[in-house]
Amino acid sequence: MSRLFLMADSQQIVLVVALARPLNTTELAHSGSSSSVVFSHWYMQSILHARGFRYGFEVWWRSRPAKLVGSPVTLPRAVPDEGCVRAIHEDFRHNFRKLESWHLRHRTKILDAKYDKSLAQIQKELRAPAPEQVDTLQFRRSHAILATASSGVQVHVEGPLDLRGTSAWAIDGEPVDLISCEDNVCTFASPVSSSGLELEQVQTLSSVADVHSEFVSVWAARWQQHTTVDWSRFLNFVRAFLPSRPFDLPDIDASMWSRALRRFKPRAARGPDGWARDDLLKLPPQRTAELLGLLRAIEAETQPWPRQLLVGFVCLLSKDNGRTDTQGYRPICVYSVIYRAWAGIRAQQVLAILRGLVPEDLFGFIPGHETTELWYAVQLEVEQCCQAGDRLLGMSTDIV
């Protein structure tokens, strides 16, 4: 009969079956010698109380995963006959092989997970670093010197100086120590050259108020240039001269909404409202239906947009152009995931309708087309004119 050995560690119990030379316990038990009988009973008891099985081997036998036909329901207390011994052996070997197969499968999964983790780590290390956030701005300014005092410690410069933050000063490349500046008259700690033509300033702004003020002064003129535009003239022109077409959009249903959300990356940026992509995907169906009902009411102009959806974070991305002032960064707005998902659905539907209405040579944002088609068409016209000797005039512009 097979002897059973068990080895255990902190993670799992590994069963090892040592298929020794078959032992005919029946013959041992009936050989007549007292030592053979004692050994047979001890051998059977050692199997019943084998260590490593929860509550013992006998309890495990009654609840084992696989039970072969012909195996005893319970283990005998006395020494079994040869047929019973073989049935127990075959049954246990079958269960042990299933355990080995299970262990190998899970070990493969663990190894695959470690491999995937190592690949993810390599990809993370090779990935381009995240863009740096703006914490300081550095400006380089030049001020023409109009006059220099006879003592050499004061100069009169053109235009007012910006003394916010910290600044390093130089006159024609020579560093100077500025003490004060009043009414465009700068006082230095030591005399400067009377032949100096230009006062150079390297200004560093680090306070939130100063950095914000600089970006507002640059970008407000672009972002708010249409606040005073009379849109009624434009709309009246559209109504009077542009062709009218039926324009019906279907209601956004739950499946359409789910597909739009799944197009976002799992860690897509949140807006000021705090809603994440996974938060919206895991909403109960009733809450999702209420949200879609709110969007339909907004489209029907019976409900206003919630303020939380009309506010966006302004993030500044580096242009990598070597500039350290406001011209070195590009602002982008991050609105709510709810608004972005809704806008994506409607934009896709509107563009699909416009595809059959716009001219054939309009490619931007039109489904099935791309802007490279425009340059391909221009190259064809240039080539044809070169071959035919014709003149070709044109221009390219980007509407902001």
Protein backbone atom coordinates (compact mmCIF):
# COMPACT_ATOMS: atom_id res chain seq x y z
CA MET A 1 0.00 0.00 0.00
CA SER A 2 1.18 3.53 -0.61
CA ARG A 3 2.59 5.40 2.32
CA LEU A 4 1.35 8.96 2.77
CA PHE A 5 3.71 11.81 3.53
CA LEU A 6 2.63 15.42 4.00
CA MET A 7 4.70 18.58 3.98
CA ALA A 8 3.24 21.95 4.99
CA ASP A 9 4.44 25.52 4.84
CA SER A 10 2.80 28.83 5.67
CA GLN A 11 1.09 29.11 2.30
CA GLN A 12 -0.13 25.71 1.30
CA ILE A 13 -0.12 21.99 2.00
CA VAL A 14 1.68 19.88 -0.54
CA LEU A 15 0.86 16.21 -0.63
CA VAL A 16 3.58 13.82 -1.69
CA VAL A 17 2.73 10.22 -2.44
CA ALA A 18 5.64 7.81 -2.26
CA LEU A 19 4.59 4.81 -4.22
CA ALA A 20 6.54 2.20 -2.35
CA ARG A 21 6.53 -1.47 -2.93
CA PRO A 22 2.97 -2.81 -2.46
CA LEU A 23 2.39 -4.06 1.02
CA ASN A 24 -0.14 -6.81 1.47
CA THR A 25 -1.65 -5.81 4.77
CA THR A 26 -4.05 -8.71 4.70
CA GLU A 27 -1.23 -11.22 4.62
CA LEU A 28 0.59 -9.35 7.37
CA ALA A 29 -2.49 -9.29 9.56
CA HIS A 30 -3.08 -13.03 9.09
CA SER A 31 0.50 -14.20 9.15
CA GLY A 32 0.00 -15.30 12.72
CA SER A 33 2.88 -13.45 14.34
CA SER A 34 1.98 -10.89 16.95
CA SER A 35 4.55 -8.43 15.62
CA SER A 36 2.96 -8.54 12.15
CA VAL A 37 -0.48 -7.85 13.57
CA VAL A 38 0.80 -4.97 15.69
CA PHE A 39 2.67 -3.49 12.74
CA SER A 40 -0.40 -3.75 10.47
CA HIS A 41 -2.61 -1.97 13.01
CA TRP A 42 0.03 0.71 13.57
CA TYR A 43 0.38 1.17 9.81
CA MET A 44 -3.37 1.65 9.40
CA GLN A 45 -3.60 4.07 12.33
CA SER A 46 -0.72 6.14 10.95
CA ILE A 47 -2.69 6.57 7.73
CA LEU A 48 -5.90 7.53 9.53
CA HIS A 49 -4.08 10.15 11.62
CA ALA A 50 -1.72 11.43 8.92
CA ARG A 51 -0.68 15.01 9.65
CA GLY A 52 -1.38 17.83 7.23
CA PHE A 53 -5.07 17.15 6.70
CA ARG A 54 -7.49 19.47 8.41
CA TYR A 55 -9.25 17.47 11.15
CA GLY A 56 -7.30 14.39 10.03
CA PHE A 57 -7.19 12.14 6.99
CA GLU A 58 -10.35 10.30 7.97
CA VAL A 59 -12.44 13.51 7.94
CA TRP A 60 -10.83 14.60 4.67
CA TRP A 61 -11.73 11.24 3.12
CA ARG A 62 -15.43 11.79 3.74
CA SER A 63 -15.34 15.29 2.15
CA ARG A 64 -12.71 14.75 -0.56
CA PRO A 65 -13.38 16.57 -3.87
CA ALA A 66 -13.42 13.50 -6.13
CA LYS A 67 -14.89 10.15 -5.13
CA LEU A 68 -14.23 7.18 -7.40
CA VAL A 69 -16.75 4.42 -7.88
CA GLY A 70 -15.99 1.46 -5.63
CA SER A 71 -14.11 3.43 -2.99
CA PRO A 72 -15.27 2.93 0.60
CA VAL A 73 -17.50 5.65 1.98
CA THR A 74 -15.58 5.65 5.26
CA LEU A 75 -12.18 4.29 6.07
CA PRO A 76 -12.18 1.00 7.94
CA ARG A 77 -10.78 0.92 11.44
CA ALA A 78 -9.45 -2.61 11.08
CA VAL A 79 -6.91 -3.75 8.54
CA PRO A 80 -8.75 -3.83 5.16
CA ASP A 81 -8.46 -6.51 2.54
CA GLU A 82 -6.38 -6.12 -0.61
CA GLY A 83 -9.28 -4.86 -2.77
CA CYS A 84 -10.16 -2.13 -0.28
CA VAL A 85 -6.50 -1.12 -0.02
CA ARG A 86 -6.20 -0.75 -3.79
CA ALA A 87 -9.47 1.24 -3.97
CA ILE A 88 -8.22 3.64 -1.28
CA HIS A 89 -4.89 3.98 -3.07
CA GLU A 90 -6.45 4.69 -6.48
CA ASP A 91 -8.93 7.16 -5.02
CA PHE A 92 -6.26 9.08 -3.13
CA ARG A 93 -3.91 9.12 -6.12
CA HIS A 94 -6.70 10.56 -8.29
CA ASN A 95 -7.36 13.37 -5.77
CA PHE A 96 -3.68 14.07 -5.41
CA ARG A 97 -3.23 14.45 -9.16
CA LYS A 98 -6.14 16.87 -9.25
CA LEU A 99 -4.43 18.86 -6.51
CA GLU A 100 -1.20 18.88 -8.50
CA SER A 101 -3.04 20.13 -11.58
CA TRP A 102 -4.76 22.86 -9.56
CA HIS A 103 -1.47 23.90 -8.00
CA LEU A 104 0.28 24.12 -11.38
CA ARG A 105 -2.53 26.21 -12.85
CA HIS A 106 -2.44 28.67 -9.99
CA ARG A 107 1.34 28.76 -10.03
CA THR A 108 1.17 29.65 -13.72
CA LYS A 109 -1.26 32.46 -12.93
CA ILE A 110 1.07 33.78 -10.24
CA LEU A 111 4.04 33.67 -12.60
CA ASP A 112 2.01 35.39 -15.33
CA ALA A 113 0.97 38.09 -12.88
CA LYS A 114 4.59 38.65 -11.86
CA TYR A 115 5.60 38.80 -15.52
CA ASP A 116 2.85 41.29 -16.35
CA LYS A 117 3.85 43.37 -13.33
CA SER A 118 7.46 43.43 -14.47
CA LEU A 119 6.40 44.50 -17.98
CA ALA A 120 4.22 47.22 -16.49
CA GLN A 121 7.17 48.39 -14.41
CA ILE A 122 9.40 48.50 -17.49
CA GLN A 123 6.75 50.42 -19.41
CA LYS A 124 6.36 52.81 -16.49
CA GLU A 125 10.11 53.47 -16.41
CA LEU A 126 10.31 54.03 -20.17
CA ARG A 127 7.25 56.25 -20.27
CA ALA A 128 7.84 59.94 -20.78
CA PRO A 129 7.77 61.85 -17.50
CA ALA A 130 4.60 63.68 -16.57
CA PRO A 131 4.63 67.35 -17.54
CA GLU A 132 5.80 69.64 -14.80
CA GLN A 133 3.24 71.89 -13.19
CA VAL A 134 3.81 75.62 -13.15
CA ASP A 135 5.10 76.90 -9.82
CA THR A 136 7.28 79.79 -11.02
CA LEU A 137 7.53 82.06 -14.04
CA GLN A 138 10.72 83.74 -15.19
CA PHE A 139 10.72 86.83 -17.40
CA ARG A 140 13.60 88.59 -19.12
CA ARG A 141 13.04 92.30 -19.57
CA SER A 142 15.19 95.13 -20.93
CA HIS A 143 14.92 98.82 -20.05
CA ALA A 144 16.71 101.52 -22.00
CA ILE A 145 18.94 103.81 -19.88
CA LEU A 146 18.11 107.45 -20.58
CA ALA A 147 20.67 109.10 -18.28
CA THR A 148 23.32 108.27 -15.69
CA ALA A 149 24.10 110.42 -12.64
CA SER A 150 27.61 111.86 -12.29
CA SER A 151 28.10 109.78 -9.14
CA GLY A 152 27.37 106.65 -11.15
CA VAL A 153 25.05 105.17 -8.53
CA GLN A 154 21.80 106.27 -10.17
CA VAL A 155 20.35 105.83 -13.64
CA HIS A 156 17.13 106.99 -15.24
CA VAL A 157 15.41 104.23 -17.23
CA GLU A 158 12.58 104.24 -19.74
CA GLY A 159 9.26 103.00 -18.44
CA PRO A 160 8.29 101.73 -14.99
CA LEU A 161 10.01 98.67 -13.52
CA ASP A 162 8.12 95.61 -12.31
CA LEU A 163 9.53 94.86 -8.85
CA ARG A 164 7.32 91.89 -7.97
CA GLY A 165 9.00 88.67 -6.91
CA THR A 166 12.77 88.53 -7.05
CA SER A 167 15.00 89.94 -9.78
CA ALA A 168 18.60 89.79 -10.90
CA TRP A 169 19.91 92.96 -12.55
CA ALA A 170 22.67 93.69 -15.03
CA ILE A 171 23.81 96.62 -17.18
CA ASP A 172 25.11 95.53 -20.56
CA GLY A 173 25.81 92.08 -19.15
CA GLU A 174 27.58 93.26 -15.96
CA PRO A 175 25.71 92.29 -12.75
CA VAL A 176 24.64 95.19 -10.53
CA ASP A 177 23.03 95.43 -7.09
CA LEU A 178 19.80 97.44 -7.22
CA ILE A 179 18.88 99.10 -3.91
CA SER A 180 15.72 101.02 -4.81
CA CYS A 181 13.75 102.46 -7.69
CA GLU A 182 11.49 105.52 -7.55
CA ASP A 183 9.94 107.34 -10.50
CA ASN A 184 12.03 105.27 -12.94
CA VAL A 185 15.24 106.32 -11.17
CA CYS A 186 17.26 103.31 -10.01
CA THR A 187 19.80 103.50 -7.21
CA PHE A 188 22.64 100.97 -7.04
CA ALA A 189 24.98 99.92 -4.24
CA SER A 190 28.09 100.89 -6.24
CA PRO A 191 28.79 103.13 -9.24
CA VAL A 192 27.99 101.72 -12.67
CA SER A 193 29.49 102.47 -16.06
CA SER A 194 28.33 105.76 -17.53
CA SER A 195 28.35 104.21 -20.99
CA GLY A 196 25.70 101.64 -20.12
CA LEU A 197 22.82 101.53 -22.59
CA GLU A 198 20.44 98.94 -21.19
CA LEU A 199 19.30 97.69 -17.80
CA GLU A 200 18.57 93.97 -17.97
CA GLN A 201 16.17 92.27 -15.57
CA VAL A 202 15.62 88.55 -14.93
CA GLN A 203 12.43 88.42 -12.88
CA THR A 204 11.13 85.32 -11.07
CA LEU A 205 7.51 85.20 -9.88
CA SER A 206 6.53 82.45 -7.47
CA SER A 207 3.42 83.61 -5.63
CA VAL A 208 0.10 82.14 -6.76
CA ALA A 209 -1.43 85.59 -7.21
CA ASP A 210 1.40 86.82 -9.44
CA VAL A 211 1.51 83.66 -11.58
CA HIS A 212 -2.27 83.71 -11.98
CA SER A 213 -2.25 87.39 -12.88
CA GLU A 214 0.31 86.85 -15.64
CA PHE A 215 -1.64 84.05 -17.28
CA VAL A 216 -4.91 85.97 -17.04
CA SER A 217 -3.38 89.02 -18.70
CA VAL A 218 -2.16 86.89 -21.61
CA TRP A 219 -5.08 84.52 -22.15
CA ALA A 220 -8.11 86.59 -21.17
CA ALA A 221 -7.82 88.58 -24.38
CA ARG A 222 -8.07 85.35 -26.41
CA TRP A 223 -10.62 83.45 -24.38
CA GLN A 224 -12.94 86.41 -23.86
CA GLN A 225 -12.58 88.18 -27.18
CA HIS A 226 -16.15 87.24 -28.18
CA THR A 227 -17.88 88.35 -24.98
CA THR A 228 -18.95 91.63 -26.59
CA VAL A 229 -19.83 90.18 -29.99
CA ASP A 230 -23.40 90.68 -31.15
CA TRP A 231 -24.29 87.11 -32.10
CA SER A 232 -27.74 88.11 -33.32
CA ARG A 233 -26.25 89.47 -36.56
CA PHE A 234 -24.50 86.19 -37.24
CA LEU A 235 -27.58 84.12 -36.40
CA ASN A 236 -29.81 86.30 -38.57
CA PHE A 237 -27.40 85.82 -41.46
CA VAL A 238 -27.51 82.06 -40.98
CA ARG A 239 -31.30 82.00 -40.92
CA ALA A 240 -31.54 84.19 -44.01
CA PHE A 241 -28.94 82.69 -46.34
CA LEU A 242 -27.86 79.22 -45.22
CA PRO A 243 -29.96 76.19 -46.23
CA SER A 244 -32.18 74.65 -43.56
CA ARG A 245 -32.22 70.91 -42.90
CA PRO A 246 -34.10 68.70 -40.40
CA PHE A 247 -31.90 68.03 -37.44
CA ASP A 248 -33.24 65.47 -34.96
CA LEU A 249 -31.02 63.78 -32.41
CA PRO A 250 -32.08 60.59 -30.61
CA ASP A 251 -32.30 60.53 -26.83
CA ILE A 252 -29.21 59.25 -25.04
CA ASP A 253 -30.01 55.83 -23.59
CA ALA A 254 -28.11 53.80 -20.97
CA SER A 255 -26.16 51.67 -23.46
CA MET A 256 -25.08 54.73 -25.44
CA TRP A 257 -24.02 56.43 -22.21
CA SER A 258 -22.05 53.40 -21.04
CA ARG A 259 -20.15 53.15 -24.35
CA ALA A 260 -19.25 56.83 -24.16
CA LEU A 261 -17.91 56.45 -20.62
CA ARG A 262 -15.86 53.38 -21.50
CA ARG A 263 -14.02 55.37 -24.16
CA PHE A 264 -12.36 57.29 -21.33
CA LYS A 265 -9.26 55.85 -19.74
CA PRO A 266 -9.80 54.31 -16.29
CA ARG A 267 -7.81 57.14 -14.71
CA ALA A 268 -9.20 59.94 -16.88
CA ALA A 269 -8.93 63.36 -15.25
CA ARG A 270 -11.85 64.42 -13.10
CA GLY A 271 -13.49 67.80 -13.28
CA PRO A 272 -14.25 70.10 -10.33
CA ASP A 273 -17.40 68.08 -9.56
CA GLY A 274 -15.24 65.10 -8.52
CA TRP A 275 -17.08 62.45 -10.56
CA ALA A 276 -14.77 59.80 -12.01
CA ARG A 277 -15.37 57.55 -14.97
CA ASP A 278 -15.75 54.42 -12.80
CA ASP A 279 -18.13 56.25 -10.44
CA LEU A 280 -20.54 56.85 -13.31
CA LEU A 281 -20.18 53.31 -14.68
CA LYS A 282 -21.05 51.82 -11.28
CA LEU A 283 -24.10 53.96 -10.65
CA PRO A 284 -27.33 52.00 -10.07
CA PRO A 285 -29.55 51.92 -13.18
CA GLN A 286 -32.12 54.17 -11.48
CA ARG A 287 -29.54 56.89 -10.79
CA THR A 288 -28.18 56.64 -14.35
CA ALA A 289 -31.71 57.05 -15.70
CA GLU A 290 -32.16 60.16 -13.54
CA LEU A 291 -28.89 61.63 -14.83
CA LEU A 292 -29.87 61.01 -18.46
CA GLY A 293 -33.25 62.57 -17.72
CA LEU A 294 -31.49 65.68 -16.43
CA LEU A 295 -29.42 65.90 -19.62
CA ARG A 296 -32.58 65.59 -21.74
CA ALA A 297 -34.20 68.38 -19.72
CA ILE A 298 -31.14 70.58 -20.25
CA GLU A 299 -31.27 69.96 -24.00
CA ALA A 300 -34.97 70.86 -23.98
CA GLU A 301 -34.05 74.07 -22.09
CA THR A 302 -36.40 73.22 -19.24
CA GLN A 303 -33.49 72.86 -16.82
CA PRO A 304 -30.30 74.93 -16.57
CA TRP A 305 -26.86 73.36 -16.52
CA PRO A 306 -25.69 72.72 -12.93
CA ARG A 307 -22.93 75.11 -11.99
CA GLN A 308 -20.63 72.22 -11.12
CA LEU A 309 -20.65 71.15 -14.78
CA LEU A 310 -19.92 74.63 -16.11
CA VAL A 311 -16.65 75.08 -14.21
CA GLY A 312 -13.38 73.56 -15.39
CA PHE A 313 -9.85 73.20 -14.14
CA VAL A 314 -7.25 75.07 -16.19
CA CYS A 315 -4.11 72.95 -16.50
CA LEU A 316 -0.94 74.32 -18.02
CA LEU A 317 1.13 72.05 -20.26
CA SER A 318 4.69 72.88 -21.17
CA LYS A 319 5.31 73.65 -24.85
CA ASP A 320 8.96 72.54 -24.52
CA ASN A 321 10.03 75.60 -26.49
CA GLY A 322 12.65 76.78 -24.00
CA ARG A 323 10.51 79.63 -22.70
CA THR A 324 10.09 80.09 -18.95
CA ASP A 325 7.41 82.78 -19.08
CA THR A 326 3.73 82.57 -19.99
CA GLN A 327 4.60 81.81 -23.62
CA GLY A 328 6.15 78.51 -22.55
CA TYR A 329 2.86 76.93 -21.49
CA ARG A 330 -0.36 75.90 -23.17
CA PRO A 331 -3.55 76.01 -21.08
CA ILE A 332 -6.21 73.30 -21.36
CA CYS A 333 -9.56 73.09 -19.59
CA VAL A 334 -10.67 69.92 -17.80
CA TYR A 335 -14.44 69.83 -17.37
CA SER A 336 -16.65 67.26 -15.69
CA VAL A 337 -16.61 63.71 -17.09
CA ILE A 338 -20.41 64.01 -17.31
CA TYR A 339 -20.18 67.03 -19.58
CA ARG A 340 -17.37 65.52 -21.66
CA ALA A 341 -19.28 62.26 -22.19
CA TRP A 342 -22.45 64.12 -23.18
CA ALA A 343 -20.55 66.46 -25.51
CA GLY A 344 -18.74 63.51 -27.12
CA ILE A 345 -22.00 61.69 -27.86
CA ARG A 346 -23.70 64.73 -29.35
CA ALA A 347 -20.64 65.84 -31.32
CA GLN A 348 -20.35 62.41 -32.91
CA GLN A 349 -24.03 62.43 -33.87
CA VAL A 350 -23.93 65.98 -35.23
CA LEU A 351 -20.83 65.29 -37.33
CA ALA A 352 -22.46 62.17 -38.76
CA ILE A 353 -25.42 64.30 -39.90
CA LEU A 354 -23.20 67.07 -41.26
CA ARG A 355 -21.21 64.59 -43.32
CA GLY A 356 -23.97 64.50 -45.92
CA LEU A 357 -24.47 68.28 -45.91
CA VAL A 358 -21.01 69.86 -46.01
CA PRO A 359 -18.99 70.32 -49.23
CA GLU A 360 -16.88 67.41 -50.42
CA ASP A 361 -13.62 69.30 -49.87
CA LEU A 362 -14.32 69.88 -46.17
CA PHE A 363 -12.35 67.30 -44.20
CA GLY A 364 -11.83 68.57 -40.66
CA PHE A 365 -13.67 66.53 -37.99
CA ILE A 366 -15.83 64.85 -40.64
CA PRO A 367 -16.21 61.07 -40.04
CA GLY A 368 -14.30 59.05 -42.63
CA HIS A 369 -12.00 61.97 -43.51
CA GLU A 370 -8.82 63.46 -42.12
CA THR A 371 -6.95 66.72 -42.59
CA THR A 372 -4.13 65.01 -44.49
CA GLU A 373 -6.55 64.64 -47.41
CA LEU A 374 -6.50 68.42 -47.78
CA TRP A 375 -2.72 68.51 -48.14
CA TYR A 376 -2.88 65.60 -50.57
CA ALA A 377 -5.37 67.53 -52.71
CA VAL A 378 -3.17 70.65 -52.60
CA GLN A 379 -0.13 68.62 -53.64
CA LEU A 380 -2.07 67.22 -56.59
CA GLU A 381 -3.04 70.72 -57.73
CA VAL A 382 0.55 71.94 -57.38
CA GLU A 383 1.80 68.95 -59.38
CA GLN A 384 -0.75 69.50 -62.14
CA CYS A 385 0.12 73.20 -62.41
CA CYS A 386 3.83 72.40 -62.55
CA GLN A 387 3.29 69.95 -65.39
CA ALA A 388 0.94 72.24 -67.32
CA GLY A 389 2.85 75.44 -66.60
CA ASP A 390 -0.21 77.12 -65.08
CA ARG A 391 -0.20 79.65 -62.28
CA LEU A 392 -1.62 78.67 -58.87
CA LEU A 393 -2.37 81.02 -56.01
CA GLY A 394 -3.64 80.12 -52.55
CA MET A 395 -3.25 80.50 -48.84
CA SER A 396 -3.52 78.41 -45.69
CA THR A 397 -4.85 79.69 -42.39
CA ASP A 398 -5.87 78.36 -39.01
CA ILE A 399 -9.04 79.79 -37.51
CA VAL A 400 -8.81 80.29 -33.74
